[in-house]
Amino acid sequence: MHYPVERARTARQGLLAVVAAFVLTVTVLMIVADDGPSATGADFVAPTTTDAGPAIVPIVAPSTTPAPSSTTTTTSTTTLPPTTTTSTTAVPPTTLWPTDTLPEQPSGPIDAPLDAEADEPVIQLGGITIPKIGLDAPMYEGIRLSTLDRGPGHWPGTAMPGEVGNAVIAAHRVSHQAHFRNIDQLAPGDQVIFTTTDGVSTYHVTGVEIVDPSAVWIVDQTATPTATLFACHPPGSVRQRIVVHLELVT
């Protein structure tokens, strides 16, 4: 029997089996490593760091859809020049309207009439001219509506234009020719001219104010030649009164 030879052969076969098993194991490990998750796949999540602390931000493949174009709308702003309206109405020259004998004035301003719509005698005192607002109108005695419907009215018992004291004149703003419609445009220095049988008296504006209807002090008399124009305010309302104060110039 050849026992030494058989033993050597068996030893070689065992060694070859061990080597083969080792090679097989290495090959399997390499195959498993090659078949693992791709480092560039879309499911990979890479760690990053922000100011708020660690965060997980997915890496997403760029979109192939084009971004919508930005449309900018430009609005053109055109500044129109101010519109200037030129009055074509010629203002007639100041004239002295024919008058009856001027009425004798009470010793002081009469009280505001309770019967404002009652008739009263038509007595034309002269005229009133306000160049700033294009007014040239007759002036009457009285402050009832029947008088003011004709034109500006002088408050009985107040001074006559040109005299020492306060000459008080009222008129409408929206009805019956609206003679005092624009007296709110008057400013200090603007002229107001009265014409009566005694002559021409020129006043200038010293101030304009808004008062309540109960402000009867506007008819109080003064120690110097002054005048007061007043009307309802705002136009179309009787809620307040607009008052223009005047001083005699000549």
Protein backbone atom coordinates (compact mmCIF):
# COMPACT_ATOMS: atom_id res chain seq x y z
CA MET A 1 0.00 0.00 0.00
CA HIS A 2 1.20 3.52 -0.79
CA TYR A 3 -0.04 5.41 2.30
CA PRO A 4 2.48 8.28 2.12
CA VAL A 5 1.51 9.03 -1.44
CA GLU A 6 -2.20 8.98 -0.62
CA ARG A 7 -1.69 11.25 2.33
CA ALA A 8 0.21 13.78 0.24
CA ARG A 9 -2.52 13.73 -2.40
CA THR A 10 -5.22 14.23 0.22
CA ALA A 11 -3.30 17.13 1.72
CA ARG A 12 -2.99 18.81 -1.68
CA GLN A 13 -6.71 18.39 -2.37
CA GLY A 14 -7.59 19.93 1.02
CA LEU A 15 -5.29 22.88 0.37
CA LEU A 16 -6.85 23.42 -3.04
CA ALA A 17 -10.34 23.34 -1.49
CA VAL A 18 -9.38 25.99 1.07
CA VAL A 19 -7.89 28.23 -1.65
CA ALA A 20 -10.97 27.77 -3.80
CA ALA A 21 -13.25 28.64 -0.90
CA PHE A 22 -11.22 31.80 -0.17
CA VAL A 23 -11.33 32.93 -3.80
CA LEU A 24 -15.08 32.30 -3.92
CA THR A 25 -15.66 34.34 -0.78
CA VAL A 26 -13.65 37.33 -2.09
CA THR A 27 -15.53 37.19 -5.40
CA VAL A 28 -18.91 37.23 -3.65
CA LEU A 29 -17.94 40.18 -1.49
CA MET A 30 -16.83 42.18 -4.56
CA ILE A 31 -20.09 41.42 -6.35
CA VAL A 32 -22.12 42.54 -3.34
CA ALA A 33 -20.11 45.77 -3.11
CA ASP A 34 -20.67 46.55 -6.81
CA ASP A 35 -24.46 45.97 -6.51
CA GLY A 36 -24.93 48.39 -3.53
CA PRO A 37 -26.82 51.81 -3.60
CA SER A 38 -25.56 54.29 -6.18
CA ALA A 39 -23.81 57.34 -4.71
CA THR A 40 -25.36 59.49 -7.44
CA GLY A 41 -28.94 58.24 -7.29
CA ALA A 42 -31.89 60.63 -6.83
CA ASP A 43 -32.71 59.10 -3.46
CA PHE A 44 -29.44 60.11 -1.92
CA VAL A 45 -29.68 62.60 0.85
CA ALA A 46 -26.65 64.70 1.57
CA PRO A 47 -26.15 66.39 4.91
CA THR A 48 -25.66 70.12 4.99
CA THR A 49 -25.47 72.86 7.55
CA THR A 50 -27.52 76.09 7.79
CA ASP A 51 -27.62 78.96 10.27
CA ALA A 52 -30.46 77.17 12.05
CA GLY A 53 -28.47 73.99 12.59
CA PRO A 54 -27.97 70.72 10.72
CA ALA A 55 -30.44 69.94 8.00
CA ILE A 56 -31.12 67.26 5.44
CA VAL A 57 -31.56 68.62 1.91
CA PRO A 58 -32.47 66.21 -0.93
CA ILE A 59 -30.59 66.57 -4.16
CA VAL A 60 -33.21 66.78 -6.92
CA ALA A 61 -32.41 66.45 -10.58
CA PRO A 62 -32.78 69.77 -12.43
CA SER A 63 -36.14 70.29 -14.12
CA THR A 64 -36.27 70.30 -17.91
CA THR A 65 -39.37 72.54 -17.92
CA PRO A 66 -38.34 76.12 -18.84
CA ALA A 67 -39.11 78.73 -16.21
CA PRO A 68 -42.00 81.05 -17.10
CA SER A 69 -40.84 84.29 -18.62
CA SER A 70 -41.24 87.38 -16.50
CA THR A 71 -43.65 89.89 -18.02
CA THR A 72 -43.21 93.47 -16.90
CA THR A 73 -46.11 95.85 -17.48
CA THR A 74 -45.15 99.48 -17.69
CA THR A 75 -47.87 102.02 -16.98
CA SER A 76 -47.34 105.35 -18.62
CA THR A 77 -48.28 108.31 -16.44
CA THR A 78 -49.13 111.48 -18.27
CA THR A 79 -49.45 114.70 -16.34
CA LEU A 80 -52.07 116.92 -17.90
CA PRO A 81 -51.60 120.65 -17.70
CA PRO A 82 -54.09 122.49 -15.49
CA THR A 83 -57.20 123.68 -17.21
CA THR A 84 -57.66 127.40 -17.18
CA THR A 85 -61.15 128.73 -17.67
CA THR A 86 -61.41 132.26 -18.93
CA SER A 87 -64.63 134.07 -18.26
CA THR A 88 -66.13 135.63 -21.36
CA THR A 89 -68.75 137.57 -19.45
CA ALA A 90 -68.03 141.28 -19.62
CA VAL A 91 -68.45 143.08 -16.31
CA PRO A 92 -70.43 146.28 -16.89
CA PRO A 93 -68.95 149.48 -15.51
CA THR A 94 -70.10 150.64 -12.12
CA THR A 95 -73.01 153.01 -12.43
CA LEU A 96 -75.31 154.73 -10.00
CA TRP A 97 -78.76 153.18 -10.30
CA PRO A 98 -81.70 155.57 -9.97
CA THR A 99 -82.83 155.65 -6.36
CA ASP A 100 -85.75 156.94 -4.41
CA THR A 101 -85.20 159.02 -1.33
CA LEU A 102 -82.93 157.02 0.94
CA PRO A 103 -84.81 155.64 3.92
CA GLU A 104 -84.19 157.04 7.35
CA GLN A 105 -82.06 154.55 9.23
CA PRO A 106 -82.95 153.25 12.71
CA SER A 107 -80.65 154.29 15.53
CA GLY A 108 -79.11 150.82 15.54
CA PRO A 109 -79.19 147.50 13.68
CA ILE A 110 -82.66 145.97 13.62
CA ASP A 111 -83.17 142.46 14.96
CA ALA A 112 -83.08 139.63 12.46
CA PRO A 113 -86.65 139.46 11.12
CA LEU A 114 -88.71 136.50 12.27
CA ASP A 115 -90.82 136.69 9.10
CA ALA A 116 -87.91 136.40 6.67
CA GLU A 117 -90.23 135.64 3.74
CA ALA A 118 -92.52 138.64 4.22
CA ASP A 119 -92.65 141.36 1.57
CA GLU A 120 -90.94 144.69 2.17
CA PRO A 121 -90.68 147.88 0.12
CA VAL A 122 -88.26 147.77 -2.82
CA ILE A 123 -85.73 150.53 -2.11
CA GLN A 124 -82.64 150.66 -4.28
CA LEU A 125 -79.71 152.27 -2.46
CA GLY A 126 -77.10 152.12 -5.18
CA GLY A 127 -74.70 149.39 -6.29
CA ILE A 128 -71.93 147.07 -5.18
CA THR A 129 -68.91 146.06 -7.27
CA ILE A 130 -66.34 143.37 -6.43
CA PRO A 131 -63.77 143.19 -9.26
CA LYS A 132 -62.09 140.01 -7.91
CA ILE A 133 -65.21 137.90 -8.51
CA GLY A 134 -66.71 139.90 -11.39
CA LEU A 135 -69.69 141.20 -9.41
CA ASP A 136 -71.46 144.44 -10.35
CA ALA A 137 -75.02 144.50 -9.00
CA PRO A 138 -77.66 146.83 -7.57
CA MET A 139 -77.92 147.07 -3.80
CA TYR A 140 -81.20 147.29 -1.93
CA GLU A 141 -82.44 148.19 1.53
CA GLY A 142 -83.53 145.17 3.58
CA ILE A 143 -82.50 141.62 4.39
CA ARG A 144 -85.75 139.70 3.88
CA LEU A 145 -85.80 137.11 1.11
CA SER A 146 -88.04 139.25 -1.07
CA THR A 147 -85.24 141.81 -1.15
CA LEU A 148 -82.29 139.42 -1.41
CA ASP A 149 -84.02 137.70 -4.34
CA ARG A 150 -83.45 140.97 -6.22
CA GLY A 151 -79.84 141.51 -5.15
CA PRO A 152 -77.52 142.26 -2.21
CA GLY A 153 -79.37 143.89 0.69
CA HIS A 154 -78.26 146.40 3.31
CA TRP A 155 -79.07 145.51 6.93
CA PRO A 156 -81.31 148.36 8.19
CA GLY A 157 -79.83 150.31 11.09
CA THR A 158 -76.21 149.55 10.18
CA ALA A 159 -74.01 152.29 8.76
CA MET A 160 -74.40 153.34 5.15
CA PRO A 161 -71.35 152.74 2.92
CA GLY A 162 -68.76 155.48 3.45
CA GLU A 163 -70.02 156.39 6.92
CA VAL A 164 -68.46 155.73 10.32
CA GLY A 165 -69.75 152.40 11.55
CA ASN A 166 -70.24 148.94 10.10
CA ALA A 167 -72.22 148.70 6.83
CA VAL A 168 -73.62 145.15 6.67
CA ILE A 169 -74.62 143.60 3.33
CA ALA A 170 -76.17 140.16 2.70
CA ALA A 171 -76.85 138.20 -0.51
CA HIS A 172 -77.60 134.74 -1.91
CA ARG A 173 -74.93 132.21 -2.92
CA VAL A 174 -76.85 129.70 -5.07
CA SER A 175 -80.22 131.17 -6.06
CA HIS A 176 -81.50 134.35 -7.73
CA GLN A 177 -78.28 135.14 -9.60
CA ALA A 178 -76.17 134.03 -6.59
CA HIS A 179 -74.45 137.40 -6.24
CA PHE A 180 -72.22 136.26 -3.33
CA ARG A 181 -71.52 132.79 -4.73
CA ASN A 182 -67.77 133.34 -4.87
CA ILE A 183 -67.07 135.59 -1.91
CA ASP A 184 -65.06 132.73 -0.44
CA GLN A 185 -62.42 133.62 -3.06
CA LEU A 186 -61.85 137.04 -1.53
CA ALA A 187 -58.56 137.63 0.27
CA PRO A 188 -57.06 140.51 2.23
CA GLY A 189 -56.44 143.49 -0.02
CA ASP A 190 -59.22 142.74 -2.55
CA GLN A 191 -61.47 145.71 -3.30
CA VAL A 192 -65.19 146.11 -2.70
CA ILE A 193 -66.76 149.29 -4.11
CA PHE A 194 -70.12 150.78 -3.06
CA THR A 195 -71.91 153.46 -5.06
CA THR A 196 -74.73 155.51 -3.55
CA THR A 197 -76.17 158.98 -4.03
CA ASP A 198 -73.50 160.14 -1.58
CA GLY A 199 -70.69 158.99 -3.90
CA VAL A 200 -68.28 156.07 -4.31
CA SER A 201 -66.73 154.34 -1.32
CA THR A 202 -63.87 151.86 -1.81
CA TYR A 203 -63.15 149.26 0.83
CA HIS A 204 -60.54 146.51 1.00
CA VAL A 205 -60.86 143.05 2.50
CA THR A 206 -59.21 142.51 5.88
CA GLY A 207 -60.32 138.96 6.56
CA VAL A 208 -62.74 136.10 5.87
CA GLU A 209 -64.21 133.73 8.47
CA ILE A 210 -66.92 131.09 8.95
CA VAL A 211 -69.37 131.53 11.83
CA ASP A 212 -72.56 129.97 13.19
CA PRO A 213 -75.95 131.44 12.20
CA SER A 214 -76.31 132.73 15.77
CA ALA A 215 -73.31 135.05 15.42
CA VAL A 216 -75.36 138.27 15.33
CA TRP A 217 -72.34 140.20 16.56
CA ILE A 218 -71.32 140.57 12.92
CA VAL A 219 -73.75 143.54 12.70
CA ASP A 220 -72.21 145.34 15.68
CA GLN A 221 -71.19 148.89 14.89
CA THR A 222 -67.59 150.11 14.87
CA ALA A 223 -65.83 153.37 15.66
CA THR A 224 -64.29 153.52 12.17
CA PRO A 225 -65.76 153.08 8.66
CA THR A 226 -65.98 149.34 8.10
CA ALA A 227 -68.27 146.98 6.23
CA THR A 228 -69.31 143.32 6.43
CA LEU A 229 -70.49 140.98 3.69
CA PHE A 230 -72.17 137.73 4.68
CA ALA A 231 -74.02 134.78 3.15
CA CYS A 232 -74.94 131.19 3.87
CA HIS A 233 -72.15 128.59 3.94
CA PRO A 234 -71.36 126.22 2.40
CA PRO A 235 -73.18 127.00 -0.84
CA GLY A 236 -76.62 125.41 -0.77
CA SER A 237 -76.64 125.02 3.01
CA VAL A 238 -77.78 127.23 5.91
CA ARG A 239 -75.61 125.42 8.43
CA GLN A 240 -73.08 128.27 8.72
CA ARG A 241 -72.33 131.78 7.51
CA ILE A 242 -69.34 133.10 5.60
CA VAL A 243 -68.33 136.59 6.69
CA VAL A 244 -66.02 139.01 4.84
CA HIS A 245 -64.67 141.95 6.83
CA LEU A 246 -63.83 145.25 5.09
CA GLU A 247 -62.21 148.59 5.92
CA LEU A 248 -62.74 151.89 4.11
CA VAL A 249 -59.86 153.02 1.90
CA THR A 250 -61.35 156.09 0.22
